[in-house]
Amino acid sequence: MIRTARLLCLLTLTSAAPPLFGQAAAPAIVVLTFENGGSYGLDSMDFLGLGRGIPSALTADLALNPGLRTIDRRQAQQVLERDGPSHNGRVDAATAARVGKQVGAGYVVTGTFVDYYGRVRIDARLIDTGTGSILEVVSSGQRSRAELPQMLADIASQLMSGKRLPAMPAGSLPPAKVSSDALVLFGRAVLAQDQGDKAAAVGYYQEALKLAPDFTAAKDGLRSAQGS
């Protein structure tokens, strides 16, 4: 009788325990500031802004995937500015992995962009923060600046192909449609916010939202700037 009672108790506990499969925490990812690979045709402040606006917008696209947990780029930027980049002044894979690990990310994305008088190319690298190895390199190819928002959506889609990062579930909402002009203004807003210029950041976010009212990353940025 005692043995039977113990068996029943064990079965009850086992059936009540939640299944382990599929309950692992979603992998965390952070996108670092993108480097300007040599761009011409816009104001230098626009290119500085795009270096921060591109990863912020890309983060918003990645955040649409419920299988991922995104980390605010600004956390990583603060670590990078505190500790400095690698010896040659660039953010190499080892530096990116170190920064990503410090903010709790399992993966980090670094990248470069080149805008040559309206012809734009974006390249991104997915890095494992545990090993420092580059897992995947994806590219938008060279396209018109007018296609910049779609280029970012394509980069996000390539990263979430299921090879390394979880694939986007079927039926997920697509990123909001924005214009390249709105994205440039958004970049200026992010740059101003990083530099502590709250008033300028709010103004640029508002201008971006006039052009693209559904620009989620700009809405989030505006709330953050107004609340800081």
Protein backbone atom coordinates (compact mmCIF):
# COMPACT_ATOMS: atom_id res chain seq x y z
CA MET A 1 0.00 0.00 0.00
CA ILE A 2 2.82 2.44 0.89
CA ARG A 3 4.63 1.57 -2.33
CA THR A 4 1.44 2.15 -4.32
CA ALA A 5 0.88 5.51 -2.65
CA ARG A 6 4.42 6.56 -3.44
CA LEU A 7 3.97 5.55 -7.06
CA LEU A 8 0.74 7.51 -7.36
CA CYS A 9 2.40 10.56 -5.81
CA LEU A 10 5.31 10.31 -8.25
CA LEU A 11 2.95 10.02 -11.21
CA THR A 12 0.98 13.03 -10.00
CA LEU A 13 4.11 15.17 -9.66
CA THR A 14 5.40 14.06 -13.04
CA SER A 15 2.16 14.84 -14.84
CA ALA A 16 1.91 18.21 -13.12
CA ALA A 17 5.43 19.24 -14.02
CA PRO A 18 5.62 21.48 -17.08
CA PRO A 19 7.25 20.03 -20.16
CA LEU A 20 10.87 21.05 -20.63
CA PHE A 21 10.80 21.11 -24.43
CA GLY A 22 10.11 24.50 -25.91
CA GLN A 23 10.42 26.33 -22.60
CA ALA A 24 14.00 27.49 -22.99
CA ALA A 25 14.34 31.24 -22.75
CA ALA A 26 14.26 33.06 -26.07
CA PRO A 27 17.80 33.90 -27.24
CA ALA A 28 18.79 37.50 -26.61
CA ILE A 29 20.26 39.63 -29.39
CA VAL A 30 21.66 43.15 -29.58
CA VAL A 31 22.49 45.18 -32.69
CA LEU A 32 25.50 47.50 -32.41
CA THR A 33 26.04 50.81 -34.16
CA PHE A 34 26.77 50.28 -37.86
CA GLU A 35 29.98 51.65 -39.35
CA ASN A 36 30.00 54.03 -42.31
CA GLY A 37 32.06 52.32 -44.97
CA GLY A 38 32.49 55.53 -46.99
CA SER A 39 29.36 57.47 -47.96
CA TYR A 40 28.68 60.54 -50.06
CA GLY A 41 25.67 62.58 -51.06
CA LEU A 42 24.05 63.49 -47.73
CA ASP A 43 25.02 65.74 -44.83
CA SER A 44 27.63 64.15 -42.55
CA MET A 45 25.15 64.30 -39.66
CA ASP A 46 22.72 62.21 -41.68
CA PHE A 47 25.35 59.51 -42.11
CA LEU A 48 26.27 59.66 -38.42
CA GLY A 49 22.58 59.28 -37.65
CA LEU A 50 22.13 56.34 -40.02
CA GLY A 51 24.93 54.53 -38.21
CA ARG A 52 22.67 54.49 -35.15
CA GLY A 53 19.27 54.64 -36.83
CA ILE A 54 19.89 51.54 -38.96
CA PRO A 55 20.57 49.24 -35.97
CA SER A 56 17.70 50.76 -33.99
CA ALA A 57 15.25 50.14 -36.84
CA LEU A 58 16.72 46.67 -37.41
CA THR A 59 16.23 45.90 -33.72
CA ALA A 60 12.56 46.86 -34.05
CA ASP A 61 12.20 44.44 -36.98
CA LEU A 62 13.88 41.63 -35.03
CA ALA A 63 11.63 42.36 -32.04
CA LEU A 64 8.61 41.32 -34.12
CA ASN A 65 9.83 37.72 -33.73
CA PRO A 66 8.42 36.25 -30.48
CA GLY A 67 11.25 33.73 -30.53
CA LEU A 68 13.82 36.46 -29.92
CA ARG A 69 14.51 38.85 -27.06
CA THR A 70 16.06 42.12 -28.20
CA ILE A 71 18.31 44.31 -26.07
CA ASP A 72 18.39 48.10 -26.45
CA ARG A 73 21.34 49.19 -28.58
CA ARG A 74 22.03 52.07 -26.19
CA GLN A 75 23.04 49.65 -23.43
CA ALA A 76 25.70 48.17 -25.68
CA GLN A 77 26.74 51.63 -26.91
CA GLN A 78 27.38 52.73 -23.33
CA VAL A 79 29.60 49.68 -22.73
CA LEU A 80 31.46 50.30 -26.00
CA GLU A 81 32.03 53.96 -25.21
CA ARG A 82 33.21 53.09 -21.70
CA ASP A 83 35.60 50.30 -22.65
CA GLY A 84 36.54 51.44 -26.15
CA PRO A 85 36.68 49.49 -29.43
CA SER A 86 39.53 47.20 -30.46
CA HIS A 87 43.10 48.44 -30.86
CA ASN A 88 42.55 49.55 -34.46
CA GLY A 89 39.50 51.64 -33.55
CA ARG A 90 37.04 49.27 -35.21
CA VAL A 91 34.53 46.94 -33.62
CA ASP A 92 35.85 43.51 -34.53
CA ALA A 93 34.11 40.22 -33.76
CA ALA A 94 35.92 39.75 -30.45
CA THR A 95 35.02 43.25 -29.25
CA ALA A 96 31.41 42.85 -30.36
CA ALA A 97 31.17 39.50 -28.55
CA ARG A 98 32.59 41.04 -25.36
CA VAL A 99 30.14 43.93 -25.47
CA GLY A 100 27.21 41.66 -26.26
CA LYS A 101 28.07 39.34 -23.41
CA GLN A 102 28.23 42.24 -20.96
CA VAL A 103 24.66 43.29 -21.79
CA GLY A 104 23.37 39.71 -21.57
CA ALA A 105 23.08 38.90 -25.28
CA GLY A 106 23.78 35.50 -26.77
CA TYR A 107 24.09 37.01 -30.22
CA VAL A 108 25.28 40.36 -31.49
CA VAL A 109 24.86 41.94 -34.91
CA THR A 110 27.45 44.31 -36.34
CA GLY A 111 27.45 45.87 -39.75
CA THR A 112 28.49 48.49 -42.25
CA PHE A 113 26.62 50.66 -44.71
CA VAL A 114 27.78 52.53 -47.78
CA ASP A 115 25.69 55.24 -49.44
CA TYR A 116 27.26 56.46 -52.66
CA TYR A 117 25.06 59.31 -53.87
CA GLY A 118 21.86 57.38 -53.28
CA ARG A 119 23.10 53.86 -54.06
CA VAL A 120 23.13 52.01 -50.75
CA ARG A 121 24.52 48.69 -49.57
CA ILE A 122 24.13 47.22 -46.08
CA ASP A 123 26.14 44.27 -44.76
CA ALA A 124 25.50 42.63 -41.40
CA ARG A 125 27.33 39.96 -39.40
CA LEU A 126 25.79 37.69 -36.77
CA ILE A 127 28.25 36.89 -33.99
CA ASP A 128 28.07 34.32 -31.18
CA THR A 129 29.00 36.09 -27.96
CA GLY A 130 30.10 32.84 -26.35
CA THR A 131 32.75 31.99 -28.94
CA GLY A 132 33.28 35.30 -30.73
CA SER A 133 32.82 33.53 -34.04
CA ILE A 134 30.98 35.04 -37.00
CA LEU A 135 28.05 32.73 -37.67
CA GLU A 136 26.56 34.40 -40.70
CA VAL A 137 27.10 37.32 -43.06
CA VAL A 138 24.12 38.80 -44.91
CA SER A 139 23.82 41.67 -47.36
CA SER A 140 21.16 43.82 -48.94
CA GLY A 141 23.07 44.23 -52.17
CA GLN A 142 23.37 47.68 -53.71
CA ARG A 143 20.03 49.38 -54.15
CA SER A 144 18.44 52.82 -54.25
CA ARG A 145 18.29 54.78 -51.00
CA ALA A 146 14.53 54.94 -51.50
CA GLU A 147 14.49 51.21 -50.72
CA LEU A 148 16.37 51.60 -47.43
CA PRO A 149 13.49 50.52 -45.13
CA GLN A 150 12.85 47.43 -47.26
CA MET A 151 16.57 46.68 -47.26
CA LEU A 152 16.51 46.59 -43.46
CA ALA A 153 13.47 44.32 -43.49
CA ASP A 154 15.31 42.01 -45.89
CA ILE A 155 18.40 41.97 -43.64
CA ALA A 156 16.19 41.04 -40.68
CA SER A 157 14.51 38.32 -42.72
CA GLN A 158 17.87 36.86 -43.75
CA LEU A 159 19.07 36.83 -40.14
CA MET A 160 15.85 35.10 -39.06
CA SER A 161 15.98 32.43 -41.75
CA GLY A 162 16.03 29.68 -39.13
CA LYS A 163 19.65 28.72 -39.83
CA ARG A 164 20.95 30.38 -36.67
CA LEU A 165 18.17 32.52 -35.21
CA PRO A 166 14.57 31.36 -34.81
CA ALA A 167 12.52 31.84 -37.96
CA MET A 168 9.68 34.35 -37.94
CA PRO A 169 6.41 32.48 -37.30
CA ALA A 170 4.00 32.30 -40.20
CA GLY A 171 1.33 34.98 -40.09
CA SER A 172 3.47 37.45 -38.13
CA LEU A 173 2.79 41.12 -38.71
CA PRO A 174 5.17 42.71 -41.23
CA PRO A 175 7.22 45.78 -40.26
CA ALA A 176 5.43 49.11 -40.62
CA LYS A 177 5.98 50.81 -43.96
CA VAL A 178 8.22 53.86 -43.63
CA SER A 179 10.01 56.08 -46.12
CA SER A 180 13.77 56.49 -46.45
CA ASP A 181 13.39 60.18 -45.52
CA ALA A 182 11.65 59.17 -42.30
CA LEU A 183 14.46 56.72 -41.57
CA VAL A 184 17.11 59.44 -42.08
CA LEU A 185 15.23 61.74 -39.67
CA PHE A 186 14.89 58.84 -37.25
CA GLY A 187 18.65 58.36 -37.38
CA ARG A 188 19.20 62.01 -36.54
CA ALA A 189 16.82 61.61 -33.59
CA VAL A 190 18.66 58.56 -32.26
CA LEU A 191 22.01 60.35 -32.60
CA ALA A 192 20.71 63.43 -30.80
CA GLN A 193 19.30 61.26 -28.01
CA ASP A 194 22.61 59.43 -27.64
CA GLN A 195 24.34 62.81 -27.38
CA GLY A 196 21.93 63.95 -24.66
CA ASP A 197 20.15 66.55 -26.79
CA LYS A 198 16.61 65.74 -25.72
CA ALA A 199 14.93 68.67 -27.48
CA ALA A 200 16.54 67.88 -30.84
CA ALA A 201 15.74 64.18 -30.47
CA VAL A 202 12.07 64.91 -29.79
CA GLY A 203 11.91 67.25 -32.78
CA TYR A 204 13.46 64.75 -35.18
CA TYR A 205 11.26 61.89 -33.91
CA GLN A 206 8.20 64.03 -34.46
CA GLU A 207 9.32 64.94 -37.99
CA ALA A 208 9.90 61.27 -38.77
CA LEU A 209 6.43 60.40 -37.50
CA LYS A 210 4.84 63.08 -39.69
CA LEU A 211 6.22 61.20 -42.69
CA ALA A 212 5.55 57.72 -41.27
CA PRO A 213 2.84 57.76 -38.54
CA ASP A 214 3.11 53.98 -37.99
CA PHE A 215 6.90 54.00 -37.52
CA THR A 216 7.03 51.93 -34.32
CA ALA A 217 10.71 52.53 -33.57
CA ALA A 218 10.17 56.29 -33.86
CA LYS A 219 7.16 56.12 -31.54
CA ASP A 220 9.20 54.21 -28.98
CA GLY A 221 12.09 56.63 -29.36
CA LEU A 222 9.84 59.64 -28.90
CA ARG A 223 8.37 58.18 -25.70
CA SER A 224 11.87 57.45 -24.45
CA ALA A 225 13.16 60.94 -25.26
CA GLN A 226 10.16 62.64 -23.70
CA GLY A 227 10.45 60.50 -20.58
CA SER A 228 14.20 60.89 -20.13
